[in-house]
């Protein structure tokens, strides 16, 4: 199993647009084969600091996710909604 943490900071004036984009991405991603969990959280102490927490069955499932049209669309649109590129980390978890 693979756990992915992707942290990003949204622009305050683009918050609603970012949240709508993430909602669409999460709904599509949760339907993908190999996706076990796909959540998006906001830090309660730092406004507009967000974290994706994803759980994937395997590296292959995550690789397929990265090739999906909804993920490519998200990547194109998110760049102008955040202050910097996301910090993405993946962790292999033993069964």
C-alpha atoms as a PDB file:
ATOM      1  CA  UNK A   1       0.000   0.000   0.000  1.00  0.00           C
ATOM      2  CA  UNK A   2       1.122   3.540  -0.747  1.00  0.00           C
ATOM      3  CA  UNK A   3       0.215   6.625   1.273  1.00  0.00           C
ATOM      4  CA  UNK A   4       0.553  10.021  -0.419  1.00  0.00           C
ATOM      5  CA  UNK A   5       0.639  13.370   1.371  1.00  0.00           C
ATOM      6  CA  UNK A   6       0.434  16.400  -0.894  1.00  0.00           C
ATOM      7  CA  UNK A   7       0.536  19.773   0.871  1.00  0.00           C
ATOM      8  CA  UNK A   8      -0.366  22.997  -0.878  1.00  0.00           C
ATOM      9  CA  UNK A   9      -1.112  26.574   0.078  1.00  0.00           C
ATOM     10  CA  UNK A  10      -3.991  28.219  -1.709  1.00  0.00           C
ATOM     11  CA  UNK A  11      -4.255  31.884  -2.586  1.00  0.00           C
ATOM     12  CA  UNK A  12      -6.804  33.476  -0.242  1.00  0.00           C
ATOM     13  CA  UNK A  13      -8.687  35.188  -3.073  1.00  0.00           C
ATOM     14  CA  UNK A  14      -8.901  31.889  -5.022  1.00  0.00           C
ATOM     15  CA  UNK A  15     -10.127  29.725  -2.127  1.00  0.00           C
ATOM     16  CA  UNK A  16     -13.587  28.907  -3.487  1.00  0.00           C
ATOM     17  CA  UNK A  17     -12.226  28.105  -6.934  1.00  0.00           C
ATOM     18  CA  UNK A  18      -9.565  25.827  -5.411  1.00  0.00           C
ATOM     19  CA  UNK A  19     -12.081  23.995  -3.235  1.00  0.00           C
ATOM     20  CA  UNK A  20     -14.403  23.378  -6.198  1.00  0.00           C
ATOM     21  CA  UNK A  21     -11.499  22.060  -8.268  1.00  0.00           C
ATOM     22  CA  UNK A  22     -10.374  19.747  -5.459  1.00  0.00           C
ATOM     23  CA  UNK A  23     -13.908  18.453  -4.909  1.00  0.00           C
ATOM     24  CA  UNK A  24     -14.123  17.437  -8.556  1.00  0.00           C
ATOM     25  CA  UNK A  25     -10.677  15.788  -8.464  1.00  0.00           C
ATOM     26  CA  UNK A  26     -11.448  13.872  -5.272  1.00  0.00           C
ATOM     27  CA  UNK A  27     -14.775  12.524  -6.572  1.00  0.00           C
ATOM     28  CA  UNK A  28     -13.163  11.269  -9.781  1.00  0.00           C
ATOM     29  CA  UNK A  29     -10.091   9.880  -8.024  1.00  0.00           C
ATOM     30  CA  UNK A  30     -12.139   7.910  -5.487  1.00  0.00           C
ATOM     31  CA  UNK A  31     -13.727   5.990  -8.370  1.00  0.00           C
ATOM     32  CA  UNK A  32     -10.371   4.851  -9.737  1.00  0.00           C
ATOM     33  CA  UNK A  33      -9.327   1.232  -9.465  1.00  0.00           C
ATOM     34  CA  UNK A  34      -6.749   0.924  -6.691  1.00  0.00           C
ATOM     35  CA  UNK A  35      -7.807   4.040  -4.785  1.00  0.00           C
ATOM     36  CA  UNK A  36      -8.529   3.053  -1.197  1.00  0.00           C
ATOM     37  CA  UNK A  37      -8.973   6.560   0.220  1.00  0.00           C
ATOM     38  CA  UNK A  38      -8.691  10.118  -1.089  1.00  0.00           C
ATOM     39  CA  UNK A  39      -9.203  13.004   1.347  1.00  0.00           C
ATOM     40  CA  UNK A  40      -8.454  16.730   1.472  1.00  0.00           C
ATOM     41  CA  UNK A  41      -8.004  18.612   4.753  1.00  0.00           C
ATOM     42  CA  UNK A  42      -7.331  22.184   5.843  1.00  0.00           C
ATOM     43  CA  UNK A  43      -5.006  23.064   8.708  1.00  0.00           C
ATOM     44  CA  UNK A  44      -7.126  24.463  11.535  1.00  0.00           C
ATOM     45  CA  UNK A  45      -4.382  26.909  12.533  1.00  0.00           C
ATOM     46  CA  UNK A  46      -3.121  28.069   9.139  1.00  0.00           C
ATOM     47  CA  UNK A  47      -5.760  29.366   6.713  1.00  0.00           C
ATOM     48  CA  UNK A  48      -5.489  28.090   3.146  1.00  0.00           C
ATOM     49  CA  UNK A  49      -2.907  25.431   4.083  1.00  0.00           C
ATOM     50  CA  UNK A  50      -4.273  22.163   2.702  1.00  0.00           C
ATOM     51  CA  UNK A  51      -3.260  18.510   2.691  1.00  0.00           C
ATOM     52  CA  UNK A  52      -4.298  15.669   0.429  1.00  0.00           C
ATOM     53  CA  UNK A  53      -4.094  12.278   2.150  1.00  0.00           C
ATOM     54  CA  UNK A  54      -4.367   9.467  -0.348  1.00  0.00           C
ATOM     55  CA  UNK A  55      -4.167   5.703   0.021  1.00  0.00           C
ATOM     56  CA  UNK A  56      -3.388   3.617  -3.055  1.00  0.00           C
ATOM     57  CA  UNK A  57      -3.325  -0.148  -3.441  1.00  0.00           C
ATOM     58  CA  UNK A  58       0.027  -0.093  -5.270  1.00  0.00           C
ATOM     59  CA  UNK A  59       2.546   2.024  -7.140  1.00  0.00           C
ATOM     60  CA  UNK A  60       0.875   0.896 -10.378  1.00  0.00           C
ATOM     61  CA  UNK A  61      -2.473   2.290  -9.163  1.00  0.00           C
ATOM     62  CA  UNK A  62      -0.831   5.611  -8.294  1.00  0.00           C
ATOM     63  CA  UNK A  63       0.924   5.701 -11.667  1.00  0.00           C
ATOM     64  CA  UNK A  64      -2.417   5.128 -13.437  1.00  0.00           C
ATOM     65  CA  UNK A  65      -3.925   7.952 -11.356  1.00  0.00           C
ATOM     66  CA  UNK A  66      -1.215  10.309 -12.593  1.00  0.00           C
ATOM     67  CA  UNK A  67      -2.231   9.509 -16.190  1.00  0.00           C
ATOM     68  CA  UNK A  68      -5.966  10.166 -15.778  1.00  0.00           C
ATOM     69  CA  UNK A  69      -7.531  13.077 -17.684  1.00  0.00           C
ATOM     70  CA  UNK A  70      -9.126  14.500 -14.513  1.00  0.00           C
ATOM     71  CA  UNK A  71      -5.699  14.609 -12.840  1.00  0.00           C
ATOM     72  CA  UNK A  72      -4.090  16.307 -15.852  1.00  0.00           C
ATOM     73  CA  UNK A  73      -6.896  18.873 -15.880  1.00  0.00           C
ATOM     74  CA  UNK A  74      -6.390  19.509 -12.160  1.00  0.00           C
ATOM     75  CA  UNK A  75      -2.666  20.072 -12.670  1.00  0.00           C
ATOM     76  CA  UNK A  76      -3.318  22.615 -15.433  1.00  0.00           C
ATOM     77  CA  UNK A  77      -5.866  24.574 -13.418  1.00  0.00           C
ATOM     78  CA  UNK A  78      -4.355  24.460  -9.919  1.00  0.00           C
ATOM     79  CA  UNK A  79      -1.165  26.373 -10.769  1.00  0.00           C
ATOM     80  CA  UNK A  80      -2.843  29.786 -10.618  1.00  0.00           C
ATOM     81  CA  UNK A  81      -4.753  28.931  -7.409  1.00  0.00           C
ATOM     82  CA  UNK A  82      -1.757  28.166  -5.171  1.00  0.00           C
ATOM     83  CA  UNK A  83       1.229  30.133  -3.896  1.00  0.00           C
ATOM     84  CA  UNK A  84       3.808  27.452  -4.825  1.00  0.00           C
ATOM     85  CA  UNK A  85       3.940  23.973  -6.327  1.00  0.00           C
ATOM     86  CA  UNK A  86       2.596  21.244  -4.014  1.00  0.00           C
ATOM     87  CA  UNK A  87       4.979  19.364  -1.721  1.00  0.00           C
ATOM     88  CA  UNK A  88       4.243  15.721  -2.516  1.00  0.00           C
ATOM     89  CA  UNK A  89       5.555  12.751  -0.528  1.00  0.00           C
ATOM     90  CA  UNK A  90       4.763   9.068  -0.960  1.00  0.00           C
ATOM     91  CA  UNK A  91       5.288   6.380   1.676  1.00  0.00           C
ATOM     92  CA  UNK A  92       5.325   2.641   1.104  1.00  0.00           C
ATOM     93  CA  UNK A  93       3.473   0.901   3.928  1.00  0.00           C
ATOM     94  CA  UNK A  94       4.044  -2.754   4.747  1.00  0.00           C
ATOM     95  CA  UNK A  95       1.039  -5.053   4.896  1.00  0.00           C
END
